[in-house]
PDB file of all heavy atoms in Angstrom:
ATOM      1  N   PRO A   1      18.792 -63.006 -63.310  1.00  0.00           N
ATOM      2  CA  PRO A   1      17.385 -63.226 -63.147  1.00  0.00           C
ATOM      3  C   PRO A   1      16.601 -61.948 -63.317  1.00  0.00           C
ATOM      4  O   PRO A   1      17.157 -60.789 -63.245  1.00  0.00           O
ATOM      5  CB  PRO A   1      17.281 -63.720 -61.679  1.00  0.00           C
ATOM      6  CG  PRO A   1      18.678 -64.112 -61.330  1.00  0.00           C
ATOM      7  CD  PRO A   1      19.618 -63.288 -62.139  1.00  0.00           C
ATOM      8  N   ALA A   2      15.356 -62.051 -63.587  1.00  0.00           N
ATOM      9  CA  ALA A   2      14.483 -60.883 -63.764  1.00  0.00           C
ATOM     10  C   ALA A   2      14.532 -60.065 -62.511  1.00  0.00           C
ATOM     11  O   ALA A   2      14.441 -60.532 -61.351  1.00  0.00           O
ATOM     12  CB  ALA A   2      13.043 -61.337 -64.026  1.00  0.00           C
ATOM     13  N   GLY A   3      14.633 -58.703 -62.707  1.00  0.00           N
ATOM     14  CA  GLY A   3      14.687 -57.782 -61.589  1.00  0.00           C
ATOM     15  C   GLY A   3      16.065 -57.482 -61.057  1.00  0.00           C
ATOM     16  O   GLY A   3      16.250 -56.686 -60.147  1.00  0.00           O
ATOM     17  N   TYR A   4      17.113 -58.186 -61.613  1.00  0.00           N
ATOM     18  CA  TYR A   4      18.479 -57.950 -61.168  1.00  0.00           C
ATOM     19  C   TYR A   4      19.231 -57.061 -62.149  1.00  0.00           C
ATOM     20  O   TYR A   4      18.905 -57.025 -63.355  1.00  0.00           O
ATOM     21  CB  TYR A   4      19.225 -59.262 -60.977  1.00  0.00           C
ATOM     22  CG  TYR A   4      18.874 -59.969 -59.689  1.00  0.00           C
ATOM     23  CD1 TYR A   4      17.598 -60.440 -59.400  1.00  0.00           C
ATOM     24  CD2 TYR A   4      19.827 -60.150 -58.698  1.00  0.00           C
ATOM     25  CE1 TYR A   4      17.281 -61.118 -58.221  1.00  0.00           C
ATOM     26  CE2 TYR A   4      19.540 -60.744 -57.472  1.00  0.00           C
ATOM     27  CZ  TYR A   4      18.275 -61.224 -57.241  1.00  0.00           C
ATOM     28  OH  TYR A   4      17.984 -61.825 -56.044  1.00  0.00           O
ATOM     29  N   ILE A   5      20.214 -56.340 -61.625  1.00  0.00           N
ATOM     30  CA  ILE A   5      20.948 -55.348 -62.456  1.00  0.00           C
ATOM     31  C   ILE A   5      21.911 -56.064 -63.416  1.00  0.00           C
ATOM     32  O   ILE A   5      22.737 -56.900 -62.972  1.00  0.00           O
ATOM     33  CB  ILE A   5      21.669 -54.369 -61.529  1.00  0.00           C
ATOM     34  CG1 ILE A   5      20.669 -53.542 -60.727  1.00  0.00           C
ATOM     35  CG2 ILE A   5      22.581 -53.412 -62.356  1.00  0.00           C
ATOM     36  CD1 ILE A   5      21.290 -52.647 -59.697  1.00  0.00           C
ATOM     37  N   VAL A   6      21.855 -55.694 -64.659  1.00  0.00           N
ATOM     38  CA  VAL A   6      22.707 -56.229 -65.721  1.00  0.00           C
ATOM     39  C   VAL A   6      23.941 -55.373 -65.880  1.00  0.00           C
ATOM     40  O   VAL A   6      25.054 -55.882 -66.030  1.00  0.00           O
ATOM     41  CB  VAL A   6      21.950 -56.366 -67.031  1.00  0.00           C
ATOM     42  CG1 VAL A   6      22.845 -56.838 -68.164  1.00  0.00           C
ATOM     43  CG2 VAL A   6      20.762 -57.293 -66.871  1.00  0.00           C
ATOM     44  N   SER A   7      23.799 -54.038 -65.899  1.00  0.00           N
ATOM     45  CA  SER A   7      24.951 -53.124 -66.052  1.00  0.00           C
ATOM     46  C   SER A   7      24.608 -51.807 -65.419  1.00  0.00           C
ATOM     47  O   SER A   7      23.406 -51.530 -65.091  1.00  0.00           O
ATOM     48  CB  SER A   7      25.287 -52.958 -67.573  1.00  0.00           C
ATOM     49  OG  SER A   7      24.169 -52.382 -68.204  1.00  0.00           O
ATOM     50  N   GLN A   8      25.597 -50.914 -65.234  1.00  0.00           N
ATOM     51  CA  GLN A   8      25.407 -49.598 -64.646  1.00  0.00           C
ATOM     52  C   GLN A   8      26.214 -48.605 -65.426  1.00  0.00           C
ATOM     53  O   GLN A   8      27.269 -48.892 -65.953  1.00  0.00           O
ATOM     54  CB  GLN A   8      25.852 -49.640 -63.148  1.00  0.00           C
ATOM     55  CG  GLN A   8      27.281 -50.084 -62.927  1.00  0.00           C
ATOM     56  CD  GLN A   8      27.548 -50.388 -61.472  1.00  0.00           C
ATOM     57  OE1 GLN A   8      26.928 -51.217 -60.833  1.00  0.00           O
ATOM     58  NE2 GLN A   8      28.604 -49.676 -60.963  1.00  0.00           N
ATOM     59  N   SER A   9      25.713 -47.375 -65.473  1.00  0.00           N
ATOM     60  CA  SER A   9      26.349 -46.344 -66.250  1.00  0.00           C
ATOM     61  C   SER A   9      27.520 -45.674 -65.529  1.00  0.00           C
ATOM     62  O   SER A   9      28.396 -45.062 -66.211  1.00  0.00           O
ATOM     63  CB  SER A   9      25.319 -45.253 -66.610  1.00  0.00           C
ATOM     64  OG  SER A   9      24.840 -44.618 -65.383  1.00  0.00           O
ATOM     65  N   VAL A  10      27.636 -45.871 -64.224  1.00  0.00           N
ATOM     66  CA  VAL A  10      28.791 -45.306 -63.470  1.00  0.00           C
ATOM     67  C   VAL A  10      29.702 -46.482 -63.050  1.00  0.00           C
ATOM     68  O   VAL A  10      29.249 -47.487 -62.522  1.00  0.00           O
ATOM     69  CB  VAL A  10      28.262 -44.613 -62.188  1.00  0.00           C
ATOM     70  CG1 VAL A  10      29.458 -44.040 -61.388  1.00  0.00           C
ATOM     71  CG2 VAL A  10      27.295 -43.453 -62.569  1.00  0.00           C
ATOM     72  N   LYS A  11      30.969 -46.250 -63.305  1.00  0.00           N
ATOM     73  CA  LYS A  11      31.941 -47.358 -62.975  1.00  0.00           C
ATOM     74  C   LYS A  11      32.027 -47.500 -61.481  1.00  0.00           C
ATOM     75  O   LYS A  11      31.940 -46.575 -60.715  1.00  0.00           O
ATOM     76  CB  LYS A  11      33.294 -47.025 -63.557  1.00  0.00           C
ATOM     77  CG  LYS A  11      33.361 -46.993 -65.097  1.00  0.00           C
ATOM     78  CD  LYS A  11      34.755 -46.724 -65.605  1.00  0.00           C
ATOM     79  CE  LYS A  11      34.790 -46.791 -67.150  1.00  0.00           C
ATOM     80  NZ  LYS A  11      36.165 -46.491 -67.643  1.00  0.00           N
ATOM     81  N   ALA A  12      32.260 -48.792 -61.097  1.00  0.00           N
ATOM     82  CA  ALA A  12      32.279 -49.134 -59.649  1.00  0.00           C
ATOM     83  C   ALA A  12      33.303 -48.361 -58.843  1.00  0.00           C
ATOM     84  O   ALA A  12      33.064 -47.958 -57.721  1.00  0.00           O
ATOM     85  CB  ALA A  12      32.503 -50.656 -59.500  1.00  0.00           C
ATOM     86  N   GLU A  13      34.506 -48.163 -59.409  1.00  0.00           N
ATOM     87  CA  GLU A  13      35.602 -47.562 -58.688  1.00  0.00           C
ATOM     88  C   GLU A  13      35.598 -46.042 -58.711  1.00  0.00           C
ATOM     89  O   GLU A  13      36.399 -45.402 -58.069  1.00  0.00           O
ATOM     90  CB  GLU A  13      36.925 -48.047 -59.228  1.00  0.00           C
ATOM     91  CG  GLU A  13      37.173 -49.520 -59.127  1.00  0.00           C
ATOM     92  CD  GLU A  13      37.083 -50.015 -57.692  1.00  0.00           C
ATOM     93  OE1 GLU A  13      37.521 -49.280 -56.758  1.00  0.00           O
ATOM     94  OE2 GLU A  13      36.551 -51.115 -57.442  1.00  0.00           O
ATOM     95  N   LYS A  14      34.658 -45.451 -59.461  1.00  0.00           N
ATOM     96  CA  LYS A  14      34.611 -43.964 -59.536  1.00  0.00           C
ATOM     97  C   LYS A  14      34.229 -43.341 -58.217  1.00  0.00           C
ATOM     98  O   LYS A  14      33.275 -43.744 -57.547  1.00  0.00           O
ATOM     99  CB  LYS A  14      33.612 -43.583 -60.638  1.00  0.00           C
ATOM    100  CG  LYS A  14      33.658 -42.084 -60.914  1.00  0.00           C
ATOM    101  CD  LYS A  14      32.724 -41.695 -62.043  1.00  0.00           C
ATOM    102  CE  LYS A  14      32.807 -40.196 -62.325  1.00  0.00           C
ATOM    103  NZ  LYS A  14      31.955 -39.802 -63.478  1.00  0.00           N
ATOM    104  N   GLN A  15      34.977 -42.309 -57.852  1.00  0.00           N
ATOM    105  CA  GLN A  15      34.695 -41.527 -56.617  1.00  0.00           C
ATOM    106  C   GLN A  15      33.666 -40.444 -56.991  1.00  0.00           C
ATOM    107  O   GLN A  15      33.908 -39.590 -57.866  1.00  0.00           O
ATOM    108  CB  GLN A  15      35.965 -40.898 -56.042  1.00  0.00           C
ATOM    109  CG  GLN A  15      37.016 -41.956 -55.584  1.00  0.00           C
ATOM    110  CD  GLN A  15      36.563 -42.655 -54.340  1.00  0.00           C
ATOM    111  OE1 GLN A  15      35.969 -42.095 -53.436  1.00  0.00           O
ATOM    112  NE2 GLN A  15      36.820 -43.958 -54.301  1.00  0.00           N
ATOM    113  N   VAL A  16      32.564 -40.443 -56.312  1.00  0.00           N
ATOM    114  CA  VAL A  16      31.472 -39.595 -56.677  1.00  0.00           C
ATOM    115  C   VAL A  16      30.908 -38.866 -55.435  1.00  0.00           C
ATOM    116  O   VAL A  16      31.059 -39.294 -54.320  1.00  0.00           O
ATOM    117  CB  VAL A  16      30.325 -40.263 -57.437  1.00  0.00           C
ATOM    118  CG1 VAL A  16      30.829 -40.902 -58.738  1.00  0.00           C
ATOM    119  CG2 VAL A  16      29.718 -41.389 -56.514  1.00  0.00           C
ATOM    120  N   VAL A  17      30.171 -37.742 -55.693  1.00  0.00           N
ATOM    121  CA  VAL A  17      29.367 -37.113 -54.649  1.00  0.00           C
ATOM    122  C   VAL A  17      27.919 -37.534 -54.842  1.00  0.00           C
ATOM    123  O   VAL A  17      27.341 -37.325 -55.894  1.00  0.00           O
ATOM    124  CB  VAL A  17      29.465 -35.544 -54.787  1.00  0.00           C
ATOM    125  CG1 VAL A  17      28.577 -34.877 -53.744  1.00  0.00           C
ATOM    126  CG2 VAL A  17      30.890 -35.087 -54.681  1.00  0.00           C
ATOM    127  N   PRO A  18      27.353 -38.211 -53.853  1.00  0.00           N
ATOM    128  CA  PRO A  18      26.012 -38.814 -54.036  1.00  0.00           C
ATOM    129  C   PRO A  18      24.985 -37.836 -54.537  1.00  0.00           C
ATOM    130  O   PRO A  18      24.226 -38.135 -55.467  1.00  0.00           O
ATOM    131  CB  PRO A  18      25.645 -39.288 -52.608  1.00  0.00           C
ATOM    132  CG  PRO A  18      27.012 -39.662 -52.026  1.00  0.00           C
ATOM    133  CD  PRO A  18      27.926 -38.651 -52.555  1.00  0.00           C
ATOM    134  N   GLY A  19      24.920 -36.614 -53.970  1.00  0.00           N
ATOM    135  CA  GLY A  19      23.869 -35.677 -54.324  1.00  0.00           C
ATOM    136  C   GLY A  19      24.040 -35.121 -55.759  1.00  0.00           C
ATOM    137  O   GLY A  19      23.115 -34.538 -56.273  1.00  0.00           O
ATOM    138  N   ASP A  20      25.223 -35.303 -56.323  1.00  0.00           N
ATOM    139  CA  ASP A  20      25.545 -34.755 -57.675  1.00  0.00           C
ATOM    140  C   ASP A  20      25.602 -35.851 -58.727  1.00  0.00           C
ATOM    141  O   ASP A  20      26.038 -35.584 -59.803  1.00  0.00           O
ATOM    142  CB  ASP A  20      26.823 -33.944 -57.658  1.00  0.00           C
ATOM    143  CG  ASP A  20      26.783 -32.761 -56.752  1.00  0.00           C
ATOM    144  OD1 ASP A  20      25.636 -32.300 -56.455  1.00  0.00           O
ATOM    145  OD2 ASP A  20      27.837 -32.284 -56.246  1.00  0.00           O
ATOM    146  N   THR A  21      25.232 -37.028 -58.423  1.00  0.00           N
ATOM    147  CA  THR A  21      25.467 -38.192 -59.272  1.00  0.00           C
ATOM    148  C   THR A  21      24.143 -38.806 -59.742  1.00  0.00           C
ATOM    149  O   THR A  21      23.255 -39.108 -58.966  1.00  0.00           O
ATOM    150  CB  THR A  21      26.330 -39.240 -58.593  1.00  0.00           C
ATOM    151  OG1 THR A  21      27.544 -38.678 -58.167  1.00  0.00           O
ATOM    152  CG2 THR A  21      26.657 -40.392 -59.543  1.00  0.00           C
ATOM    153  N   SER A  22      24.072 -39.031 -61.068  1.00  0.00           N
ATOM    154  CA  SER A  22      22.936 -39.730 -61.675  1.00  0.00           C
ATOM    155  C   SER A  22      23.448 -41.035 -62.273  1.00  0.00           C
ATOM    156  O   SER A  22      24.495 -41.062 -62.942  1.00  0.00           O
ATOM    157  CB  SER A  22      22.298 -38.858 -62.738  1.00  0.00           C
ATOM    158  OG  SER A  22      21.277 -39.549 -63.444  1.00  0.00           O
ATOM    159  N   VAL A  23      22.723 -42.117 -62.056  1.00  0.00           N
ATOM    160  CA  VAL A  23      23.128 -43.425 -62.568  1.00  0.00           C
ATOM    161  C   VAL A  23      21.932 -44.084 -63.260  1.00  0.00           C
ATOM    162  O   VAL A  23      20.785 -43.915 -62.831  1.00  0.00           O
ATOM    163  CB  VAL A  23      23.650 -44.300 -61.478  1.00  0.00           C
ATOM    164  CG1 VAL A  23      22.613 -44.533 -60.370  1.00  0.00           C
ATOM    165  CG2 VAL A  23      24.114 -45.653 -62.005  1.00  0.00           C
ATOM    166  N   THR A  24      22.197 -44.819 -64.353  1.00  0.00           N
ATOM    167  CA  THR A  24      21.242 -45.566 -65.070  1.00  0.00           C
ATOM    168  C   THR A  24      21.577 -47.061 -64.948  1.00  0.00           C
ATOM    169  O   THR A  24      22.707 -47.441 -65.288  1.00  0.00           O
ATOM    170  CB  THR A  24      21.119 -45.123 -66.516  1.00  0.00           C
ATOM    171  OG1 THR A  24      20.745 -43.778 -66.616  1.00  0.00           O
ATOM    172  CG2 THR A  24      20.065 -45.998 -67.252  1.00  0.00           C
ATOM    173  N   PHE A  25      20.614 -47.810 -64.463  1.00  0.00           N
ATOM    174  CA  PHE A  25      20.857 -49.249 -64.354  1.00  0.00           C
ATOM    175  C   PHE A  25      20.022 -49.987 -65.431  1.00  0.00           C
ATOM    176  O   PHE A  25      18.865 -49.642 -65.683  1.00  0.00           O
ATOM    177  CB  PHE A  25      20.370 -49.785 -62.999  1.00  0.00           C
ATOM    178  CG  PHE A  25      21.246 -49.371 -61.870  1.00  0.00           C
ATOM    179  CD1 PHE A  25      20.753 -48.520 -60.884  1.00  0.00           C
ATOM    180  CD2 PHE A  25      22.539 -49.824 -61.716  1.00  0.00           C
ATOM    181  CE1 PHE A  25      21.537 -48.182 -59.826  1.00  0.00           C
ATOM    182  CE2 PHE A  25      23.337 -49.458 -60.692  1.00  0.00           C
ATOM    183  CZ  PHE A  25      22.837 -48.606 -59.725  1.00  0.00           C
TER     184      PHE A  25
END
């Protein structure tokens, strides 16, 4: 539906540091 996320640039299982991570939806 409109307004819902279709894909993300960061894989779901990737371990990341929030303050150092950029993601594109």
